[in-house]
Amino acid sequence: MRARIRALSLCVAASVTFGGLTSSPAQAEDFITIGTGSVSGLYFPLGTAMCRLVNKDRRRHGIRCTADETSGSLDNLQALRDGRLDFAIVQSDWQARAYEGTPQLSNGVPFTDLRALVSLHSEVFTVVARADADIASFSDLRGKRVNIGNPGSGQRATMEVLMAALRWGTDSFSEVHELPAEAQSAALCAGAFDAMVFAVGHPSASVEEATTACDSVLVPLDDLQIRATVVDSDVYEFAEIPGNLYRGNPDPVKSFGFAATLVTTRQQSLRVVNSLVRSIISNLDSLKRAHPAFASLDAAEMVGSYQTAPLHRAARAYFRSEGLLERASP
C-alpha cells in the first residue's frame, strides 16, 4: 500500500512539474528587437525609450523589447527585410525609397512587405565644418576633406543623393572619410578632416560636441541645385536649424529635412504591433521627456505624416479605435 501511495505521489508530482513547464503560455514571452543607430545619435535613445515603455507592461502582454545599436537606416532596412530585425527606426526618405525600390537596397527590388507604424521626431540634414576651413556653403565642400558617413547609414545615403544632384563623385573631395556618427565630432576637432555631415534631430549632443570642443560652424544648404532637389522631391522638406542652439552659431541655418520613422513588415504579429504602438501612443508624454528633440511629438502627426509604406493593419486598427486616423495630417 505504501508503495502504491508513493508511486501515485511521484506521478502527481511529475504531472505538476512537467505541466508547469508545458502548459503555461501566459508565462512565455515574445522577444522583439528594434534596430536603431549609433549610440551617440538619437535613434538609440529613442529605441531604448520605446522598449522601456513596452517592457514596463510585459507582465500584461508577454512581450520583451530590446534596442540594438546598428549602422543606421539602410542597414536597418536590409536587416528587417532579411528577418534579422523585428522593427526598425529609419529616415522617412529611405522608408519611401525602400518601399518603391532603390539601387542601394536589394538591387532595387521594391520592399513591398514594408509596413509603417509611426513617424517620430523631425530631422535636418546638417553639415558642420571647422571655422578655419573656409566653408560657407555646401558647394564649398568641393576639394575639401569630408567625412561623408559610414556605409549603411541614412546620412551617408542622403549625402550620396546630394552628390549625385551636383554630379559629384568621391573624387570631388581631396579626402573622403567614412567614420560613424559617434566618432566624427572628435575627429573633426582633432583636424582629421574639414567637415562632416549628420542627419539628426536638434538639439544634438554630437553637434554640440563639435561646436563646443573646437571652433565649428553649421553650413547652410541653400545652394540652387540643392533647393531644386528639395522642390522636385516628395521625400524632403525645407527646414531650418535655429540660431543660438550651438556655440558660435548665432544665426538660423537653412537646410532640408525629413523624419525618423518606425517600421516593420507585413508579416509581423498583430498582437505584437498592437502592443508596441499602444505603448508608444498611450505613454507619449513619457516618450517626449526622454530627449529635448522628442518634445514636439504629436500623436496625430505621428500617424499621418511622413508615411510612404502602408500602415500595418494592427497599427491602423489601433489608431482608428483611438480616433487618430480622422485627426491625422493628410
Protein backbone atom coordinates (compact mmCIF):
# COMPACT_ATOMS: atom_id res chain seq x y z
CA MET A 1 0.00 0.00 0.00
CA ARG A 2 2.79 2.38 0.92
CA ALA A 3 4.50 1.58 -2.38
CA ARG A 4 1.30 2.35 -4.30
CA ILE A 5 0.83 5.64 -2.44
CA ARG A 6 4.46 6.64 -3.10
CA ALA A 7 4.15 5.76 -6.78
CA LEU A 8 0.94 7.78 -7.05
CA SER A 9 2.61 10.73 -5.30
CA LEU A 10 5.50 10.65 -7.74
CA CYS A 11 3.10 10.58 -10.70
CA VAL A 12 1.22 13.61 -9.35
CA ALA A 13 4.48 15.47 -8.70
CA ALA A 14 5.72 14.72 -12.20
CA SER A 15 2.41 15.83 -13.66
CA VAL A 16 2.57 19.15 -11.80
CA THR A 17 6.25 19.69 -12.67
CA PHE A 18 6.04 18.96 -16.39
CA GLY A 19 2.60 20.51 -16.68
CA GLY A 20 4.07 23.72 -15.28
CA LEU A 21 6.73 23.68 -17.98
CA THR A 22 4.48 22.91 -20.89
CA SER A 23 1.06 24.36 -20.23
CA SER A 24 1.65 27.95 -19.10
CA PRO A 25 1.64 30.10 -22.25
CA ALA A 26 0.94 33.17 -20.10
CA GLN A 27 4.50 32.84 -18.73
CA ALA A 28 6.13 32.63 -22.17
CA GLU A 29 7.49 35.88 -23.61
CA ASP A 30 7.84 37.15 -27.16
CA PHE A 31 11.21 38.82 -27.68
CA ILE A 32 11.32 41.71 -30.17
CA THR A 33 14.25 43.81 -31.35
CA ILE A 34 14.21 47.38 -32.65
CA GLY A 35 17.12 48.37 -34.91
CA THR A 36 18.29 51.89 -34.10
CA GLY A 37 21.61 53.54 -34.98
CA SER A 38 24.73 54.91 -33.33
CA VAL A 39 24.69 55.23 -29.54
CA SER A 40 25.71 58.89 -29.96
CA GLY A 41 22.70 59.70 -32.16
CA LEU A 42 19.00 59.89 -31.36
CA TYR A 43 17.82 56.55 -32.75
CA PHE A 44 19.41 54.51 -29.99
CA PRO A 45 17.95 56.50 -27.06
CA LEU A 46 14.64 56.63 -28.91
CA GLY A 47 14.55 52.86 -29.40
CA THR A 48 15.63 52.35 -25.80
CA ALA A 49 12.85 54.64 -24.56
CA MET A 50 10.23 52.83 -26.65
CA CYS A 51 11.42 49.45 -25.37
CA ARG A 52 11.24 50.74 -21.82
CA LEU A 53 7.57 51.62 -22.37
CA VAL A 54 6.87 48.15 -23.76
CA ASN A 55 8.77 46.34 -21.02
CA LYS A 56 7.05 48.05 -18.13
CA ASP A 57 3.82 46.26 -19.15
CA ARG A 58 5.37 42.95 -20.18
CA ARG A 59 3.56 41.04 -17.41
CA ARG A 60 0.32 42.01 -19.13
CA HIS A 61 1.18 41.40 -22.79
CA GLY A 62 4.13 38.99 -22.54
CA ILE A 63 6.48 40.95 -24.82
CA ARG A 64 10.07 41.88 -24.02
CA CYS A 65 11.77 44.52 -26.16
CA THR A 66 15.44 45.35 -26.78
CA ALA A 67 17.05 48.15 -28.81
CA ASP A 68 20.05 47.18 -30.95
CA GLU A 69 22.81 49.56 -31.99
CA THR A 70 23.21 49.43 -35.80
CA SER A 71 24.91 51.29 -38.65
CA GLY A 72 21.73 53.21 -39.45
CA SER A 73 18.73 53.40 -41.77
CA LEU A 74 19.89 51.34 -44.74
CA ASP A 75 21.43 48.71 -42.51
CA ASN A 76 18.13 48.55 -40.60
CA LEU A 77 16.02 48.22 -43.72
CA GLN A 78 18.15 45.40 -45.10
CA ALA A 79 18.15 43.59 -41.74
CA LEU A 80 14.38 43.99 -41.50
CA ARG A 81 13.96 42.56 -44.98
CA ASP A 82 16.27 39.65 -44.15
CA GLY A 83 14.39 38.86 -40.94
CA ARG A 84 17.26 39.86 -38.65
CA LEU A 85 15.22 42.64 -37.02
CA ASP A 86 11.57 42.82 -35.97
CA PHE A 87 11.24 46.61 -36.07
CA ALA A 88 13.49 49.44 -37.24
CA ILE A 89 13.88 53.20 -36.97
CA VAL A 90 14.70 54.68 -40.38
CA GLN A 91 14.76 58.04 -42.10
CA SER A 92 11.47 58.73 -43.87
CA ASP A 93 13.23 59.39 -47.19
CA TRP A 94 14.69 55.89 -47.11
CA GLN A 95 11.41 54.35 -46.00
CA ALA A 96 9.95 55.77 -49.21
CA ARG A 97 12.83 54.67 -51.43
CA ALA A 98 12.95 51.18 -49.95
CA TYR A 99 9.23 50.61 -50.47
CA GLU A 100 9.37 51.86 -54.05
CA GLY A 101 12.73 50.22 -54.83
CA THR A 102 16.20 51.76 -54.77
CA PRO A 103 19.56 50.51 -56.08
CA GLN A 104 21.04 50.99 -52.59
CA LEU A 105 18.89 48.12 -51.24
CA SER A 106 18.36 44.61 -52.62
CA ASN A 107 19.40 45.63 -56.16
CA GLY A 108 16.40 47.90 -56.50
CA VAL A 109 13.70 45.28 -55.78
CA PRO A 110 10.79 47.11 -54.07
CA PHE A 111 10.34 46.23 -50.40
CA THR A 112 6.58 45.72 -50.78
CA ASP A 113 6.25 43.96 -47.42
CA LEU A 114 7.49 47.07 -45.59
CA ARG A 115 4.87 48.50 -43.23
CA ALA A 116 4.80 51.85 -41.44
CA LEU A 117 3.89 52.27 -37.78
CA VAL A 118 4.53 55.84 -36.60
CA SER A 119 6.55 58.88 -37.58
CA LEU A 120 8.78 60.26 -34.87
CA HIS A 121 10.95 63.36 -34.42
CA SER A 122 11.92 65.64 -37.30
CA GLU A 123 15.47 65.51 -38.65
CA VAL A 124 17.59 68.03 -40.51
CA PHE A 125 20.46 67.27 -42.85
CA THR A 126 23.30 69.07 -41.11
CA VAL A 127 26.81 69.96 -42.22
CA VAL A 128 29.39 71.05 -39.63
CA ALA A 129 32.73 72.49 -40.69
CA ARG A 130 35.82 73.73 -38.90
CA ALA A 131 35.68 77.53 -38.68
CA ASP A 132 39.14 77.79 -40.27
CA ALA A 133 38.25 75.60 -43.29
CA ASP A 134 36.74 78.44 -45.38
CA ILE A 135 33.43 76.59 -45.96
CA ALA A 136 30.41 78.89 -46.21
CA SER A 137 28.09 76.78 -48.37
CA PHE A 138 27.61 73.17 -49.39
CA SER A 139 29.34 73.76 -52.72
CA ASP A 140 32.44 74.87 -50.79
CA LEU A 141 32.91 71.25 -49.70
CA ARG A 142 34.37 70.52 -53.11
CA GLY A 143 38.10 69.98 -52.80
CA LYS A 144 37.92 69.65 -49.01
CA ARG A 145 38.47 66.74 -46.61
CA VAL A 146 34.98 65.50 -45.78
CA ASN A 147 33.54 62.75 -43.61
CA ILE A 148 30.54 61.51 -45.61
CA GLY A 149 29.42 58.92 -43.03
CA ASN A 150 29.66 55.18 -42.63
CA PRO A 151 28.17 52.78 -45.22
CA GLY A 152 24.72 51.61 -44.17
CA SER A 153 23.79 54.89 -42.53
CA GLY A 154 20.99 57.14 -43.73
CA GLN A 155 23.20 60.23 -43.55
CA ARG A 156 25.72 58.59 -45.91
CA ALA A 157 22.97 57.58 -48.34
CA THR A 158 21.38 61.05 -48.30
CA MET A 159 24.79 62.64 -48.79
CA GLU A 160 25.20 60.48 -51.88
CA VAL A 161 21.84 61.75 -53.18
CA LEU A 162 23.13 65.33 -52.89
CA MET A 163 26.42 64.40 -54.52
CA ALA A 164 24.52 62.86 -57.44
CA ALA A 165 22.39 66.01 -57.78
CA LEU A 166 25.58 68.07 -58.04
CA ARG A 167 27.24 65.45 -60.28
CA TRP A 168 29.97 64.94 -57.72
CA GLY A 169 31.88 61.77 -57.03
CA THR A 170 34.15 60.88 -54.17
CA ASP A 171 36.98 62.33 -56.26
CA SER A 172 35.31 65.75 -55.84
CA PHE A 173 36.88 65.87 -52.36
CA SER A 174 40.57 65.96 -51.52
CA GLU A 175 39.94 63.25 -48.92
CA VAL A 176 36.90 61.10 -48.13
CA HIS A 177 36.38 59.73 -44.64
CA GLU A 178 33.77 57.20 -43.53
CA LEU A 179 33.71 57.48 -39.76
CA PRO A 180 30.41 56.68 -37.99
CA ALA A 181 28.49 59.42 -36.20
CA GLU A 182 29.89 58.64 -32.76
CA ALA A 183 33.50 59.19 -33.89
CA GLN A 184 33.32 62.09 -36.30
CA SER A 185 32.97 65.07 -33.93
CA ALA A 186 36.18 64.26 -32.08
CA ALA A 187 37.97 63.63 -35.38
CA LEU A 188 36.79 66.98 -36.79
CA CYS A 189 38.15 68.85 -33.78
CA ALA A 190 41.39 66.85 -33.97
CA GLY A 191 41.89 68.14 -37.52
CA ALA A 192 41.38 64.82 -39.30
CA PHE A 193 39.07 66.48 -41.84
CA ASP A 194 37.41 69.83 -42.62
CA ALA A 195 33.69 68.99 -42.50
CA MET A 196 31.20 66.28 -41.65
CA VAL A 197 27.54 65.53 -42.23
CA PHE A 198 24.70 64.48 -39.95
CA ALA A 199 21.07 63.51 -40.42
CA VAL A 200 19.83 64.34 -36.97
CA GLY A 201 17.16 65.89 -34.78
CA HIS A 202 18.12 69.04 -32.91
CA PRO A 203 19.40 69.72 -30.34
CA SER A 204 22.05 67.07 -30.99
CA ALA A 205 24.72 66.05 -28.48
CA SER A 206 27.11 65.21 -31.32
CA VAL A 207 26.74 68.63 -32.95
CA GLU A 208 27.10 70.24 -29.53
CA GLU A 209 30.33 68.28 -29.01
CA ALA A 210 31.75 69.52 -32.31
CA THR A 211 30.86 73.16 -31.67
CA THR A 212 32.00 73.11 -28.03
CA ALA A 213 35.29 71.25 -28.34
CA CYS A 214 36.55 73.44 -31.21
CA ASP A 215 35.50 76.41 -33.32
CA SER A 216 32.99 74.94 -35.77
CA VAL A 217 30.19 76.35 -37.87
CA LEU A 218 26.93 74.95 -39.24
CA VAL A 219 26.95 75.22 -43.02
CA PRO A 220 23.77 76.34 -44.82
CA LEU A 221 22.42 74.06 -47.55
CA ASP A 222 20.88 76.78 -49.66
CA ASP A 223 22.64 76.17 -52.97
CA LEU A 224 20.45 76.44 -56.06
CA GLN A 225 20.90 72.77 -57.03
CA ILE A 226 20.03 71.59 -53.55
CA ARG A 227 16.92 73.76 -53.38
CA ALA A 228 15.87 72.32 -56.75
CA THR A 229 16.42 68.79 -55.42
CA VAL A 230 14.16 69.50 -52.44
CA VAL A 231 11.46 71.10 -54.60
CA ASP A 232 11.48 68.18 -57.06
CA SER A 233 11.41 65.57 -54.30
CA ASP A 234 8.40 64.17 -52.46
CA VAL A 235 10.53 62.97 -49.54
CA TYR A 236 12.21 66.22 -48.40
CA GLU A 237 11.00 69.49 -46.92
CA PHE A 238 12.82 72.76 -46.35
CA ALA A 239 13.99 73.08 -42.78
CA GLU A 240 15.96 75.44 -40.57
CA ILE A 241 18.25 74.94 -37.58
CA PRO A 242 17.51 77.68 -35.01
CA GLY A 243 20.15 80.24 -34.17
CA ASN A 244 21.96 80.20 -30.82
CA LEU A 245 21.32 76.49 -30.42
CA TYR A 246 25.07 75.79 -30.55
CA ARG A 247 28.13 77.79 -29.51
CA GLY A 248 29.43 80.12 -32.20
CA ASN A 249 26.33 79.77 -34.38
CA PRO A 250 24.05 82.75 -33.63
CA ASP A 251 22.04 82.74 -36.86
CA PRO A 252 19.41 80.31 -38.22
CA VAL A 253 20.83 77.88 -40.78
CA LYS A 254 18.81 76.82 -43.82
CA SER A 255 18.70 73.19 -44.88
CA PHE A 256 16.18 70.45 -45.62
CA GLY A 257 14.72 67.64 -43.59
CA PHE A 258 12.58 64.55 -43.15
CA ALA A 259 11.58 62.47 -40.12
CA ALA A 260 12.61 59.40 -38.21
CA THR A 261 10.02 56.64 -38.66
CA LEU A 262 9.30 53.30 -37.04
CA VAL A 263 8.66 50.45 -39.48
CA THR A 264 8.17 46.69 -39.57
CA THR A 265 6.98 44.11 -42.12
CA ARG A 266 3.55 42.92 -43.20
CA GLN A 267 4.20 39.55 -41.52
CA GLN A 268 4.73 40.98 -38.03
CA SER A 269 2.28 39.67 -35.40
CA LEU A 270 -0.91 41.68 -34.97
CA ARG A 271 -0.70 41.33 -31.19
CA VAL A 272 2.90 42.49 -31.03
CA VAL A 273 2.30 45.50 -33.28
CA ASN A 274 -0.80 46.47 -31.30
CA SER A 275 1.13 46.28 -28.02
CA LEU A 276 4.05 48.33 -29.38
CA VAL A 277 2.02 51.19 -30.87
CA ARG A 278 -0.29 51.20 -27.84
CA SER A 279 2.74 51.54 -25.54
CA ILE A 280 4.07 54.45 -27.59
CA ILE A 281 0.86 56.42 -28.03
CA SER A 282 -0.59 55.85 -24.56
CA ASN A 283 2.72 56.86 -22.95
CA LEU A 284 3.57 59.68 -25.32
CA ASP A 285 4.25 62.22 -22.56
CA SER A 286 6.88 59.90 -21.12
CA LEU A 287 8.49 59.45 -24.54
CA LYS A 288 8.57 63.21 -25.09
CA ARG A 289 10.53 63.65 -21.86
CA ALA A 290 13.23 61.18 -22.98
CA HIS A 291 15.08 63.83 -25.05
CA PRO A 292 14.52 67.52 -25.96
CA ALA A 293 14.31 66.57 -29.66
CA PHE A 294 11.21 64.46 -28.88
CA ALA A 295 9.36 67.25 -27.06
CA SER A 296 7.20 68.25 -30.03
CA LEU A 297 5.88 64.76 -30.82
CA ASP A 298 2.17 64.88 -31.62
CA ALA A 299 0.05 61.74 -31.91
CA ALA A 300 -1.96 62.86 -34.95
CA GLU A 301 1.16 63.91 -36.87
CA MET A 302 2.91 60.68 -35.90
CA VAL A 303 0.10 58.74 -37.57
CA GLY A 304 -0.38 60.86 -40.68
CA SER A 305 2.94 62.44 -41.64
CA TYR A 306 5.99 61.09 -43.49
CA GLN A 307 4.45 57.66 -44.09
CA THR A 308 5.06 56.13 -47.52
CA ALA A 309 4.72 52.42 -46.87
CA PRO A 310 1.19 51.28 -45.96
CA LEU A 311 0.31 51.25 -42.27
CA HIS A 312 0.49 47.82 -40.67
CA ARG A 313 -3.12 46.68 -40.27
CA ALA A 314 -2.80 46.25 -36.49
CA ALA A 315 -1.47 49.81 -36.18
CA ARG A 316 -4.27 51.09 -38.41
CA ALA A 317 -6.88 49.32 -36.29
CA TYR A 318 -5.46 50.78 -33.08
CA PHE A 319 -5.24 54.31 -34.50
CA ARG A 320 -8.82 54.05 -35.75
CA SER A 321 -10.03 52.92 -32.32
CA GLU A 322 -8.33 55.96 -30.77
CA GLY A 323 -9.77 58.38 -33.35
CA LEU A 324 -6.29 59.27 -34.60
CA LEU A 325 -6.83 58.49 -38.27
CA GLU A 326 -9.52 61.14 -38.50
CA ARG A 327 -7.20 63.72 -36.91
CA ALA A 328 -4.10 62.70 -38.85
CA SER A 329 -2.36 65.16 -41.14
CA PRO A 330 -3.02 64.48 -44.85
